[in-house]
Amino acid sequence: MAGITRFALRWGLVSGLALGGAVLVWGPYATMSYLQHARGEMQSFVTSFTDDPSALRRQLSELADDYPDQIAEVRGELVEVEHQIAEFERDIEVAQRVVAMTASDLNGLHALVLKAEKEAENTTRVVSIRFDGNRMGISQAYDEAQRIQTIRTSYEDRLAVDQQHMALLGEQHARLTEILNTLETEFSKYQAQIWQLDRQIDAIQRNGRLIELTEAQQE
């Protein structure tokens, strides 16, 4: 009879713990893919440690320690992404300036070459072009235009690649920020839920002592 009484009282308290407290803890873990296994862990250790509330409290504390580690890891990744974004922003700014400058130089040189070519058609003397502080012939101007165009193309390609990286980094930053906010919110809620579970574990311990006193009285 005493064994049946113990089983009934203990099962009543454990059921209340599972419905009133443990479900609150499972919720945050379910939202993160790398913590989904916590559901199984919670079920197993609540069942395994009902005879040892101290071990249950210790296990809950260990699960709570997962959050600070995950938060620190995500923060570190976020800092690294922000550092890379700053580097790409500087590189994009440089590339944009070079592309704009080379485009301006090409337009200016093209106008000078057209003018020199028309002038060469009406004269027998050698026509020269003054560009960027230097004097050059028409053929040299063609070479200079080719050199500038090569630089422009190189920086246009560099700019396109940098912008692709920036788009990817922007997505990673948004995702990491979302994960960090979720973890910090869940950790705050989890700490409050652990406090509630801790009070329920105290109730289990008191219930165990009550069972022992009841059995002693019956004996």
N, C-alpha and C. Protein backbone atom coordinates (compact mmCIF):
# COMPACT_ATOMS: atom_id res chain seq x y z
N MET A 1 0.83 -1.19 0.00
CA MET A 1 0.00 0.00 0.00
C MET A 1 0.87 1.26 0.00
N ALA A 2 1.94 1.24 0.80
CA ALA A 2 2.84 2.40 0.87
C ALA A 2 3.50 2.63 -0.47
N GLY A 3 3.88 1.52 -1.17
CA GLY A 3 4.52 1.65 -2.48
C GLY A 3 3.58 2.30 -3.48
N ILE A 4 2.30 1.91 -3.45
CA ILE A 4 1.32 2.50 -4.37
C ILE A 4 1.13 3.98 -4.05
N THR A 5 1.08 4.31 -2.76
CA THR A 5 0.92 5.71 -2.36
C THR A 5 2.08 6.55 -2.85
N ARG A 6 3.31 6.04 -2.70
CA ARG A 6 4.50 6.77 -3.13
C ARG A 6 4.45 7.00 -4.64
N PHE A 7 4.08 5.96 -5.39
CA PHE A 7 4.02 6.07 -6.84
C PHE A 7 2.99 7.12 -7.26
N ALA A 8 1.82 7.10 -6.63
CA ALA A 8 0.75 8.03 -7.00
C ALA A 8 1.15 9.47 -6.70
N LEU A 9 1.73 9.71 -5.53
CA LEU A 9 2.12 11.08 -5.16
C LEU A 9 3.23 11.59 -6.06
N ARG A 10 4.22 10.72 -6.30
CA ARG A 10 5.36 11.16 -7.11
C ARG A 10 4.91 11.42 -8.55
N TRP A 11 4.07 10.56 -9.11
CA TRP A 11 3.61 10.75 -10.47
C TRP A 11 2.78 12.03 -10.61
N GLY A 12 2.01 12.33 -9.59
CA GLY A 12 1.23 13.57 -9.62
C GLY A 12 2.10 14.79 -9.68
N LEU A 13 3.19 14.81 -8.91
CA LEU A 13 4.09 15.95 -8.91
C LEU A 13 4.88 16.04 -10.21
N VAL A 14 5.35 14.90 -10.70
CA VAL A 14 6.12 14.90 -11.94
C VAL A 14 5.25 15.35 -13.10
N SER A 15 3.99 14.93 -13.13
CA SER A 15 3.09 15.35 -14.20
C SER A 15 2.90 16.86 -14.15
N GLY A 16 2.73 17.39 -12.92
CA GLY A 16 2.60 18.83 -12.80
C GLY A 16 3.84 19.55 -13.25
N LEU A 17 5.02 18.99 -12.95
CA LEU A 17 6.29 19.59 -13.39
C LEU A 17 6.37 19.59 -14.90
N ALA A 18 6.01 18.47 -15.53
CA ALA A 18 6.13 18.37 -16.98
C ALA A 18 5.18 19.34 -17.67
N LEU A 19 3.94 19.46 -17.16
CA LEU A 19 2.96 20.31 -17.83
C LEU A 19 3.14 21.77 -17.46
N GLY A 20 3.47 22.04 -16.21
CA GLY A 20 3.53 23.42 -15.77
C GLY A 20 4.86 24.10 -15.94
N GLY A 21 5.96 23.30 -16.01
CA GLY A 21 7.27 23.93 -16.07
C GLY A 21 8.14 23.48 -17.22
N ALA A 22 8.23 22.17 -17.43
CA ALA A 22 9.17 21.66 -18.42
C ALA A 22 8.82 22.13 -19.81
N VAL A 23 7.53 22.23 -20.12
CA VAL A 23 7.13 22.68 -21.44
C VAL A 23 7.64 24.09 -21.70
N LEU A 24 7.68 24.91 -20.63
CA LEU A 24 8.19 26.28 -20.78
C LEU A 24 9.65 26.27 -21.19
N VAL A 25 10.39 25.28 -20.72
CA VAL A 25 11.81 25.20 -21.07
C VAL A 25 12.00 24.65 -22.47
N TRP A 26 11.16 23.71 -22.86
CA TRP A 26 11.33 23.11 -24.19
C TRP A 26 11.13 24.15 -25.29
N GLY A 27 10.21 25.11 -25.07
CA GLY A 27 9.88 26.07 -26.11
C GLY A 27 11.08 26.77 -26.72
N PRO A 28 11.94 27.47 -25.92
CA PRO A 28 13.08 28.17 -26.49
C PRO A 28 14.01 27.26 -27.26
N TYR A 29 14.24 26.06 -26.75
CA TYR A 29 15.18 25.16 -27.44
C TYR A 29 14.66 24.75 -28.81
N ALA A 30 13.33 24.61 -28.92
CA ALA A 30 12.77 24.14 -30.17
C ALA A 30 13.00 25.13 -31.30
N THR A 31 13.22 26.42 -30.98
CA THR A 31 13.36 27.44 -32.02
C THR A 31 14.72 27.43 -32.67
N MET A 32 15.72 26.86 -32.07
CA MET A 32 17.06 26.86 -32.63
C MET A 32 17.42 25.46 -33.09
N SER A 33 17.87 25.34 -34.33
CA SER A 33 18.13 24.02 -34.92
C SER A 33 19.19 23.26 -34.16
N TYR A 34 20.23 23.98 -33.69
CA TYR A 34 21.31 23.28 -33.02
C TYR A 34 21.00 22.94 -31.57
N LEU A 35 19.79 23.33 -31.08
CA LEU A 35 19.40 22.97 -29.73
C LEU A 35 18.13 22.11 -29.72
N GLN A 36 17.74 21.59 -30.90
CA GLN A 36 16.52 20.80 -30.97
C GLN A 36 16.61 19.52 -30.15
N HIS A 37 17.83 19.02 -30.01
CA HIS A 37 17.98 17.78 -29.24
C HIS A 37 17.62 17.96 -27.77
N ALA A 38 17.45 19.20 -27.34
CA ALA A 38 17.15 19.45 -25.92
C ALA A 38 15.80 18.89 -25.50
N ARG A 39 14.89 18.77 -26.48
CA ARG A 39 13.59 18.17 -26.13
C ARG A 39 13.79 16.76 -25.57
N GLY A 40 14.54 15.95 -26.31
CA GLY A 40 14.78 14.59 -25.85
C GLY A 40 15.52 14.55 -24.53
N GLU A 41 16.49 15.46 -24.40
CA GLU A 41 17.26 15.50 -23.15
C GLU A 41 16.35 15.86 -21.98
N MET A 42 15.49 16.86 -22.19
CA MET A 42 14.60 17.28 -21.11
C MET A 42 13.69 16.13 -20.69
N GLN A 43 13.12 15.43 -21.68
CA GLN A 43 12.23 14.31 -21.36
C GLN A 43 12.96 13.22 -20.59
N SER A 44 14.19 12.92 -21.05
CA SER A 44 14.92 11.81 -20.43
C SER A 44 15.36 12.14 -19.02
N PHE A 45 15.90 13.38 -18.82
CA PHE A 45 16.42 13.61 -17.47
C PHE A 45 15.32 13.93 -16.46
N VAL A 46 14.17 14.47 -16.94
CA VAL A 46 13.06 14.67 -15.99
C VAL A 46 12.57 13.32 -15.49
N THR A 47 12.52 12.34 -16.43
CA THR A 47 12.08 11.00 -16.05
C THR A 47 13.12 10.28 -15.21
N SER A 48 14.40 10.45 -15.58
CA SER A 48 15.47 9.71 -14.92
C SER A 48 15.76 10.21 -13.51
N PHE A 49 15.54 11.52 -13.28
CA PHE A 49 15.99 12.10 -12.01
C PHE A 49 14.85 12.45 -11.07
N THR A 50 13.66 11.89 -11.32
CA THR A 50 12.56 12.20 -10.41
C THR A 50 12.83 11.67 -9.01
N ASP A 51 13.66 10.65 -8.92
CA ASP A 51 14.02 10.13 -7.60
C ASP A 51 15.18 10.91 -6.98
N ASP A 52 15.77 11.82 -7.75
CA ASP A 52 16.91 12.58 -7.25
C ASP A 52 16.77 14.04 -7.68
N PRO A 53 15.98 14.83 -6.96
CA PRO A 53 15.75 16.23 -7.34
C PRO A 53 17.04 17.05 -7.43
N SER A 54 18.03 16.74 -6.63
CA SER A 54 19.29 17.47 -6.68
C SER A 54 19.97 17.27 -8.03
N ALA A 55 19.93 16.03 -8.54
CA ALA A 55 20.51 15.75 -9.84
C ALA A 55 19.73 16.46 -10.94
N LEU A 56 18.40 16.52 -10.78
CA LEU A 56 17.58 17.24 -11.76
C LEU A 56 17.94 18.72 -11.78
N ARG A 57 18.10 19.32 -10.62
CA ARG A 57 18.48 20.74 -10.54
C ARG A 57 19.83 20.97 -11.19
N ARG A 58 20.76 20.06 -10.95
CA ARG A 58 22.09 20.18 -11.54
C ARG A 58 22.03 20.08 -13.07
N GLN A 59 21.20 19.18 -13.57
CA GLN A 59 21.06 19.01 -15.02
C GLN A 59 20.44 20.24 -15.66
N LEU A 60 19.44 20.81 -15.01
CA LEU A 60 18.82 22.04 -15.52
C LEU A 60 19.84 23.17 -15.60
N SER A 61 20.70 23.25 -14.60
CA SER A 61 21.73 24.28 -14.58
C SER A 61 22.71 24.10 -15.74
N GLU A 62 23.04 22.84 -16.03
CA GLU A 62 23.96 22.58 -17.14
C GLU A 62 23.34 22.98 -18.48
N LEU A 63 22.04 22.71 -18.62
CA LEU A 63 21.36 23.14 -19.85
C LEU A 63 21.35 24.65 -19.98
N ALA A 64 21.19 25.35 -18.87
CA ALA A 64 21.19 26.82 -18.88
C ALA A 64 22.54 27.36 -19.31
N ASP A 65 23.60 26.62 -19.04
CA ASP A 65 24.95 27.08 -19.41
C ASP A 65 25.17 27.07 -20.92
N ASP A 66 24.31 26.36 -21.68
CA ASP A 66 24.46 26.33 -23.13
C ASP A 66 24.24 27.70 -23.76
N TYR A 67 23.34 28.46 -23.19
CA TYR A 67 22.98 29.74 -23.80
C TYR A 67 24.13 30.74 -23.83
N PRO A 68 24.84 31.01 -22.71
CA PRO A 68 25.94 31.97 -22.79
C PRO A 68 27.00 31.59 -23.81
N ASP A 69 27.29 30.28 -23.93
CA ASP A 69 28.28 29.84 -24.93
C ASP A 69 27.80 30.15 -26.35
N GLN A 70 26.54 29.83 -26.62
CA GLN A 70 25.99 30.09 -27.96
C GLN A 70 25.92 31.59 -28.24
N ILE A 71 25.54 32.38 -27.25
CA ILE A 71 25.46 33.83 -27.42
C ILE A 71 26.84 34.41 -27.72
N ALA A 72 27.85 33.96 -26.98
CA ALA A 72 29.21 34.45 -27.21
C ALA A 72 29.70 34.07 -28.60
N GLU A 73 29.38 32.85 -29.03
CA GLU A 73 29.81 32.40 -30.36
C GLU A 73 29.16 33.25 -31.46
N VAL A 74 27.86 33.50 -31.34
CA VAL A 74 27.16 34.30 -32.36
C VAL A 74 27.68 35.73 -32.36
N ARG A 75 27.93 36.28 -31.18
CA ARG A 75 28.47 37.65 -31.11
C ARG A 75 29.83 37.73 -31.80
N GLY A 76 30.66 36.71 -31.59
CA GLY A 76 31.96 36.69 -32.25
C GLY A 76 31.84 36.65 -33.76
N GLU A 77 30.91 35.82 -34.26
CA GLU A 77 30.68 35.76 -35.70
C GLU A 77 30.16 37.09 -36.24
N LEU A 78 29.31 37.74 -35.46
CA LEU A 78 28.73 39.02 -35.87
C LEU A 78 29.81 40.10 -35.96
N VAL A 79 30.72 40.11 -35.01
CA VAL A 79 31.82 41.08 -35.03
C VAL A 79 32.70 40.86 -36.26
N GLU A 80 32.97 39.60 -36.58
CA GLU A 80 33.80 39.28 -37.75
C GLU A 80 33.11 39.73 -39.04
N VAL A 81 31.81 39.49 -39.15
CA VAL A 81 31.07 39.91 -40.34
C VAL A 81 31.08 41.42 -40.46
N GLU A 82 30.89 42.13 -39.36
CA GLU A 82 30.89 43.59 -39.39
C GLU A 82 32.26 44.13 -39.79
N HIS A 83 33.32 43.46 -39.36
CA HIS A 83 34.67 43.86 -39.76
C HIS A 83 34.85 43.68 -41.27
N GLN A 84 34.39 42.57 -41.80
CA GLN A 84 34.52 42.32 -43.24
C GLN A 84 33.67 43.30 -44.04
N ILE A 85 32.49 43.63 -43.52
CA ILE A 85 31.63 44.61 -44.21
C ILE A 85 32.34 45.96 -44.30
N ALA A 86 32.98 46.38 -43.21
CA ALA A 86 33.70 47.66 -43.21
C ALA A 86 34.83 47.65 -44.25
N GLU A 87 35.54 46.52 -44.35
CA GLU A 87 36.62 46.42 -45.34
C GLU A 87 36.09 46.51 -46.76
N PHE A 88 35.00 45.79 -47.04
CA PHE A 88 34.43 45.83 -48.39
C PHE A 88 33.85 47.21 -48.71
N GLU A 89 33.30 47.88 -47.72
CA GLU A 89 32.78 49.23 -47.96
C GLU A 89 33.90 50.17 -48.40
N ARG A 90 35.06 50.06 -47.74
CA ARG A 90 36.19 50.90 -48.13
C ARG A 90 36.67 50.53 -49.54
N ASP A 91 36.74 49.25 -49.83
CA ASP A 91 37.21 48.81 -51.14
C ASP A 91 36.23 49.23 -52.24
N ILE A 92 34.93 49.15 -51.96
CA ILE A 92 33.92 49.57 -52.94
C ILE A 92 34.02 51.07 -53.20
N GLU A 93 34.26 51.83 -52.14
CA GLU A 93 34.40 53.28 -52.30
C GLU A 93 35.58 53.62 -53.21
N VAL A 94 36.71 52.93 -53.00
CA VAL A 94 37.89 53.16 -53.84
C VAL A 94 37.59 52.77 -55.29
N ALA A 95 36.97 51.61 -55.49
CA ALA A 95 36.67 51.14 -56.84
C ALA A 95 35.73 52.10 -57.56
N GLN A 96 34.74 52.60 -56.85
CA GLN A 96 33.79 53.54 -57.47
C GLN A 96 34.50 54.83 -57.89
N ARG A 97 35.41 55.31 -57.05
CA ARG A 97 36.15 56.53 -57.40
C ARG A 97 37.01 56.31 -58.64
N VAL A 98 37.70 55.17 -58.69
CA VAL A 98 38.57 54.88 -59.84
C VAL A 98 37.74 54.76 -61.12
N VAL A 99 36.61 54.06 -61.04
CA VAL A 99 35.75 53.90 -62.22
C VAL A 99 35.26 55.26 -62.71
N ALA A 100 34.85 56.11 -61.77
CA ALA A 100 34.37 57.45 -62.15
C ALA A 100 35.49 58.29 -62.77
N MET A 101 36.68 58.23 -62.17
CA MET A 101 37.81 59.02 -62.68
C MET A 101 38.24 58.54 -64.06
N THR A 102 38.33 57.24 -64.24
CA THR A 102 38.76 56.72 -65.55
C THR A 102 37.71 57.00 -66.63
N ALA A 103 36.43 56.96 -66.25
CA ALA A 103 35.38 57.30 -67.22
C ALA A 103 35.51 58.75 -67.65
N SER A 104 35.78 59.63 -66.68
CA SER A 104 35.96 61.05 -67.00
C SER A 104 37.19 61.26 -67.87
N ASP A 105 38.28 60.55 -67.54
CA ASP A 105 39.51 60.69 -68.34
C ASP A 105 39.28 60.21 -69.77
N LEU A 106 38.58 59.09 -69.93
CA LEU A 106 38.33 58.56 -71.27
C LEU A 106 37.48 59.52 -72.10
N ASN A 107 36.47 60.09 -71.46
CA ASN A 107 35.63 61.04 -72.19
C ASN A 107 36.44 62.26 -72.63
N GLY A 108 37.26 62.77 -71.70
CA GLY A 108 38.08 63.92 -72.03
C GLY A 108 39.10 63.62 -73.11
N LEU A 109 39.75 62.46 -73.01
CA LEU A 109 40.76 62.09 -74.00
C LEU A 109 40.12 61.82 -75.36
N HIS A 110 38.94 61.22 -75.35
CA HIS A 110 38.24 60.95 -76.60
C HIS A 110 37.93 62.25 -77.34
N ALA A 111 37.48 63.25 -76.62
CA ALA A 111 37.18 64.55 -77.24
C ALA A 111 38.45 65.19 -77.81
N LEU A 112 39.56 65.07 -77.08
CA LEU A 112 40.82 65.65 -77.57
C LEU A 112 41.31 64.93 -78.83
N VAL A 113 41.16 63.60 -78.85
CA VAL A 113 41.61 62.82 -80.01
C VAL A 113 40.78 63.19 -81.24
N LEU A 114 39.48 63.31 -81.09
CA LEU A 114 38.62 63.69 -82.22
C LEU A 114 39.02 65.06 -82.77
N LYS A 115 39.29 65.97 -81.87
CA LYS A 115 39.70 67.32 -82.29
C LYS A 115 41.04 67.27 -83.01
N ALA A 116 41.98 66.46 -82.49
CA ALA A 116 43.31 66.36 -83.10
C ALA A 116 43.23 65.69 -84.47
N GLU A 117 42.37 64.69 -84.61
CA GLU A 117 42.23 64.00 -85.89
C GLU A 117 41.68 64.95 -86.97
N LYS A 118 40.71 65.77 -86.61
CA LYS A 118 40.19 66.74 -87.57
C LYS A 118 41.24 67.77 -87.97
N GLU A 119 42.02 68.17 -86.97
CA GLU A 119 43.09 69.15 -87.24
C GLU A 119 44.16 68.54 -88.13
N ALA A 120 44.48 67.24 -87.95
CA ALA A 120 45.51 66.58 -88.74
C ALA A 120 45.09 66.45 -90.20
N GLU A 121 43.79 66.40 -90.44
CA GLU A 121 43.31 66.29 -91.83
C GLU A 121 43.55 67.56 -92.63
N ASN A 122 43.68 68.68 -91.93
CA ASN A 122 43.81 69.98 -92.60
C ASN A 122 45.20 70.58 -92.50
N THR A 123 46.16 69.79 -92.02
CA THR A 123 47.51 70.32 -91.89
C THR A 123 48.53 69.22 -92.13
N THR A 124 49.73 69.62 -92.50
CA THR A 124 50.81 68.65 -92.71
C THR A 124 51.72 68.55 -91.51
N ARG A 125 51.58 69.41 -90.57
CA ARG A 125 52.43 69.36 -89.38
C ARG A 125 51.93 68.30 -88.41
N VAL A 126 52.82 67.90 -87.51
CA VAL A 126 52.48 66.89 -86.52
C VAL A 126 51.57 67.52 -85.47
N VAL A 127 50.43 66.89 -85.25
CA VAL A 127 49.46 67.37 -84.26
C VAL A 127 49.70 66.64 -82.94
N SER A 128 49.75 67.38 -81.89
CA SER A 128 49.95 66.79 -80.56
C SER A 128 48.76 67.12 -79.66
N ILE A 129 48.64 66.31 -78.62
CA ILE A 129 47.55 66.47 -77.64
C ILE A 129 48.15 66.68 -76.26
N ARG A 130 47.61 67.63 -75.56
CA ARG A 130 48.04 67.86 -74.18
C ARG A 130 46.98 67.27 -73.25
N PHE A 131 47.40 66.24 -72.50
CA PHE A 131 46.44 65.53 -71.63
C PHE A 131 47.10 65.22 -70.30
N ASP A 132 46.43 65.59 -69.25
CA ASP A 132 46.89 65.29 -67.88
C ASP A 132 48.31 65.81 -67.65
N GLY A 133 48.60 67.00 -68.19
CA GLY A 133 49.92 67.61 -67.98
C GLY A 133 51.00 67.10 -68.90
N ASN A 134 50.66 66.19 -69.81
CA ASN A 134 51.64 65.62 -70.73
C ASN A 134 51.22 65.89 -72.17
N ARG A 135 52.22 66.03 -73.04
CA ARG A 135 51.95 66.23 -74.46
C ARG A 135 52.28 64.92 -75.18
N MET A 136 51.37 64.52 -76.08
CA MET A 136 51.53 63.25 -76.79
C MET A 136 50.92 63.34 -78.17
N GLY A 137 51.35 62.41 -79.04
CA GLY A 137 50.78 62.33 -80.36
C GLY A 137 49.48 61.55 -80.34
N ILE A 138 48.83 61.50 -81.52
CA ILE A 138 47.54 60.81 -81.60
C ILE A 138 47.69 59.32 -81.30
N SER A 139 48.71 58.68 -81.84
CA SER A 139 48.92 57.25 -81.58
C SER A 139 49.20 56.99 -80.11
N GLN A 140 49.96 57.91 -79.50
CA GLN A 140 50.20 57.77 -78.06
C GLN A 140 48.92 57.97 -77.27
N ALA A 141 48.06 58.83 -77.76
CA ALA A 141 46.77 59.05 -77.09
C ALA A 141 45.92 57.79 -77.14
N TYR A 142 45.98 57.07 -78.29
CA TYR A 142 45.27 55.79 -78.38
C TYR A 142 45.78 54.80 -77.33
N ASP A 143 47.09 54.74 -77.20
CA ASP A 143 47.69 53.83 -76.20
C ASP A 143 47.27 54.22 -74.79
N GLU A 144 47.26 55.52 -74.53
CA GLU A 144 46.86 56.00 -73.20
C GLU A 144 45.39 55.66 -72.93
N ALA A 145 44.56 55.81 -73.95
CA ALA A 145 43.15 55.48 -73.79
C ALA A 145 42.96 53.99 -73.49
N GLN A 146 43.75 53.15 -74.17
CA GLN A 146 43.68 51.71 -73.92
C GLN A 146 44.12 51.38 -72.50
N ARG A 147 45.15 52.04 -72.04
CA ARG A 147 45.64 51.81 -70.67
C ARG A 147 44.57 52.20 -69.65
N ILE A 148 43.95 53.36 -69.87
CA ILE A 148 42.90 53.82 -68.95
C ILE A 148 41.70 52.88 -68.98
N GLN A 149 41.35 52.41 -70.17
CA GLN A 149 40.22 51.49 -70.29
C GLN A 149 40.49 50.17 -69.57
N THR A 150 41.73 49.69 -69.63
CA THR A 150 42.10 48.46 -68.93
C THR A 150 41.93 48.63 -67.42
N ILE A 151 42.37 49.79 -66.91
CA ILE A 151 42.22 50.07 -65.47
C ILE A 151 40.74 50.13 -65.10
N ARG A 152 39.97 50.81 -65.94
CA ARG A 152 38.54 50.94 -65.66
C ARG A 152 37.87 49.57 -65.63
N THR A 153 38.14 48.73 -66.60
CA THR A 153 37.53 47.40 -66.65
C THR A 153 37.91 46.58 -65.42
N SER A 154 39.18 46.67 -65.03
CA SER A 154 39.65 45.93 -63.86
C SER A 154 38.88 46.34 -62.60
N TYR A 155 38.70 47.64 -62.42
CA TYR A 155 38.01 48.12 -61.23
C TYR A 155 36.50 47.91 -61.31
N GLU A 156 35.94 47.87 -62.51
CA GLU A 156 34.52 47.54 -62.65
C GLU A 156 34.28 46.09 -62.24
N ASP A 157 35.18 45.19 -62.65
CA ASP A 157 35.07 43.79 -62.23
C ASP A 157 35.23 43.66 -60.72
N ARG A 158 36.20 44.38 -60.20
CA ARG A 158 36.45 44.36 -58.75
C ARG A 158 35.23 44.88 -58.00
N LEU A 159 34.62 45.94 -58.51
CA LEU A 159 33.44 46.51 -57.87
C LEU A 159 32.28 45.52 -57.88
N ALA A 160 32.08 44.83 -59.00
CA ALA A 160 30.98 43.85 -59.09
C ALA A 160 31.17 42.72 -58.09
N VAL A 161 32.40 42.22 -57.98
CA VAL A 161 32.68 41.13 -57.02
C VAL A 161 32.47 41.62 -55.60
N ASP A 162 32.95 42.82 -55.28
CA ASP A 162 32.78 43.38 -53.93
C ASP A 162 31.31 43.54 -53.58
N GLN A 163 30.51 43.98 -54.53
CA GLN A 163 29.08 44.16 -54.26
C GLN A 163 28.39 42.82 -54.04
N GLN A 164 28.83 41.78 -54.72
CA GLN A 164 28.28 40.45 -54.48
C GLN A 164 28.61 39.98 -53.06
N HIS A 165 29.87 40.19 -52.66
CA HIS A 165 30.27 39.83 -51.30
C HIS A 165 29.49 40.63 -50.27
N MET A 166 29.26 41.90 -50.55
CA MET A 166 28.52 42.74 -49.61
C MET A 166 27.09 42.26 -49.46
N ALA A 167 26.48 41.82 -50.56
CA ALA A 167 25.11 41.30 -50.48
C ALA A 167 25.06 40.05 -49.60
N LEU A 168 26.04 39.16 -49.78
CA LEU A 168 26.10 37.95 -48.97
C LEU A 168 26.34 38.28 -47.50
N LEU A 169 27.28 39.19 -47.25
CA LEU A 169 27.58 39.58 -45.87
C LEU A 169 26.38 40.26 -45.22
N GLY A 170 25.63 41.02 -46.01
CA GLY A 170 24.43 41.66 -45.47
C GLY A 170 23.40 40.62 -45.02
N GLU A 171 23.24 39.57 -45.82
CA GLU A 171 22.32 38.50 -45.44
C GLU A 171 22.81 37.77 -44.19
N GLN A 172 24.12 37.52 -44.12
CA GLN A 172 24.68 36.84 -42.95
C GLN A 172 24.53 37.72 -41.70
N HIS A 173 24.75 39.01 -41.86
CA HIS A 173 24.62 39.92 -40.71
C HIS A 173 23.18 39.94 -40.20
N ALA A 174 22.22 40.00 -41.12
CA ALA A 174 20.82 40.01 -40.72
C ALA A 174 20.45 38.71 -40.00
N ARG A 175 20.92 37.58 -40.52
CA ARG A 175 20.60 36.29 -39.91
C ARG A 175 21.24 36.15 -38.53
N LEU A 176 22.51 36.54 -38.44
CA LEU A 176 23.20 36.46 -37.15
C LEU A 176 22.55 37.37 -36.11
N THR A 177 22.16 38.57 -36.54
CA THR A 177 21.48 39.49 -35.63
C THR A 177 20.17 38.90 -35.14
N GLU A 178 19.44 38.26 -36.04
CA GLU A 178 18.18 37.62 -35.67
C GLU A 178 18.42 36.49 -34.66
N ILE A 179 19.44 35.67 -34.93
CA ILE A 179 19.76 34.57 -34.02
C ILE A 179 20.18 35.10 -32.65
N LEU A 180 21.02 36.15 -32.64
CA LEU A 180 21.49 36.71 -31.38
C LEU A 180 20.32 37.26 -30.57
N ASN A 181 19.43 38.01 -31.21
CA ASN A 181 18.27 38.56 -30.50
C ASN A 181 17.39 37.44 -29.95
N THR A 182 17.23 36.39 -30.75
CA THR A 182 16.40 35.27 -30.29
C THR A 182 17.04 34.57 -29.09
N LEU A 183 18.35 34.32 -29.17
CA LEU A 183 19.04 33.66 -28.07
C LEU A 183 18.99 34.48 -26.79
N GLU A 184 19.22 35.78 -26.91
CA GLU A 184 19.22 36.64 -25.72
C GLU A 184 17.82 36.69 -25.10
N THR A 185 16.79 36.76 -25.94
CA THR A 185 15.42 36.76 -25.42
C THR A 185 15.09 35.43 -24.77
N GLU A 186 15.47 34.34 -25.43
CA GLU A 186 15.19 33.02 -24.89
C GLU A 186 15.93 32.78 -23.58
N PHE A 187 17.17 33.25 -23.52
CA PHE A 187 17.96 33.05 -22.30
C PHE A 187 17.32 33.77 -21.12
N SER A 188 16.82 34.98 -21.37
CA SER A 188 16.14 35.73 -20.32
C SER A 188 14.90 34.99 -19.83
N LYS A 189 14.13 34.46 -20.79
CA LYS A 189 12.93 33.71 -20.42
C LYS A 189 13.31 32.40 -19.72
N TYR A 190 14.37 31.77 -20.22
CA TYR A 190 14.79 30.48 -19.67
C TYR A 190 15.21 30.63 -18.21
N GLN A 191 15.91 31.73 -17.90
CA GLN A 191 16.33 31.95 -16.52
C GLN A 191 15.12 32.06 -15.59
N ALA A 192 14.08 32.76 -16.07
CA ALA A 192 12.86 32.88 -15.26
C ALA A 192 12.18 31.52 -15.12
N GLN A 193 12.19 30.73 -16.17
CA GLN A 193 11.55 29.41 -16.13
C GLN A 193 12.34 28.45 -15.23
N ILE A 194 13.67 28.57 -15.26
CA ILE A 194 14.48 27.73 -14.38
C ILE A 194 14.15 28.03 -12.92
N TRP A 195 13.92 29.31 -12.63
CA TRP A 195 13.56 29.67 -11.24
C TRP A 195 12.26 28.97 -10.86
N GLN A 196 11.27 28.95 -11.78
CA GLN A 196 10.01 28.28 -11.49
C GLN A 196 10.21 26.79 -11.31
N LEU A 197 11.00 26.18 -12.18
CA LEU A 197 11.26 24.75 -12.05
C LEU A 197 11.98 24.42 -10.75
N ASP A 198 12.88 25.33 -10.37
CA ASP A 198 13.63 25.11 -9.13
C ASP A 198 12.67 25.05 -7.94
N ARG A 199 11.66 25.91 -7.97
CA ARG A 199 10.66 25.89 -6.88
C ARG A 199 9.87 24.57 -6.91
N GLN A 200 9.60 24.06 -8.12
CA GLN A 200 8.87 22.81 -8.22
C GLN A 200 9.73 21.63 -7.77
N ILE A 201 11.03 21.72 -8.03
CA ILE A 201 11.93 20.66 -7.54
C ILE A 201 11.94 20.66 -6.01
N ASP A 202 11.93 21.86 -5.42
CA ASP A 202 11.83 21.95 -3.96
C ASP A 202 10.57 21.25 -3.47
N ALA A 203 9.49 21.41 -4.23
CA ALA A 203 8.23 20.77 -3.84
C ALA A 203 8.35 19.25 -3.91
N ILE A 204 9.07 18.76 -4.92
CA ILE A 204 9.29 17.31 -5.02
C ILE A 204 10.07 16.81 -3.81
N GLN A 205 11.12 17.54 -3.44
CA GLN A 205 11.90 17.13 -2.28
C GLN A 205 11.06 17.11 -1.01
N ARG A 206 10.23 18.14 -0.84
CA ARG A 206 9.37 18.17 0.33
C ARG A 206 8.36 17.02 0.28
N ASN A 207 7.89 16.72 -0.91
CA ASN A 207 6.94 15.62 -1.06
C ASN A 207 7.59 14.30 -0.67
N GLY A 208 8.88 14.15 -1.06
CA GLY A 208 9.58 12.92 -0.67
C GLY A 208 9.68 12.78 0.83
N ARG A 209 10.00 13.89 1.48
CA ARG A 209 10.09 13.84 2.95
C ARG A 209 8.73 13.57 3.56
N LEU A 210 7.67 14.14 2.94
CA LEU A 210 6.32 13.90 3.44
C LEU A 210 5.94 12.44 3.33
N ILE A 211 6.32 11.81 2.19
CA ILE A 211 6.04 10.38 2.00
C ILE A 211 6.73 9.57 3.09
N GLU A 212 8.01 9.90 3.35
CA GLU A 212 8.74 9.16 4.37
C GLU A 212 8.09 9.31 5.73
N LEU A 213 7.67 10.53 6.07
CA LEU A 213 7.04 10.76 7.36
C LEU A 213 5.70 10.02 7.45
N THR A 214 4.95 10.02 6.32
CA THR A 214 3.66 9.32 6.30
C THR A 214 3.85 7.83 6.49
N GLU A 215 4.84 7.26 5.81
CA GLU A 215 5.09 5.83 5.94
C GLU A 215 5.55 5.48 7.35
N ALA A 216 6.39 6.37 7.93
CA ALA A 216 6.85 6.11 9.29
C ALA A 216 5.67 6.13 10.26
N GLN A 217 4.75 7.08 10.02
CA GLN A 217 3.58 7.16 10.90
C GLN A 217 2.70 5.92 10.74
N GLN A 218 2.55 5.44 9.48
CA GLN A 218 1.74 4.26 9.24
C GLN A 218 2.34 3.02 9.89
N GLU A 219 3.69 2.94 9.80
CA GLU A 219 4.33 1.82 10.43
C GLU A 219 4.18 1.83 11.93
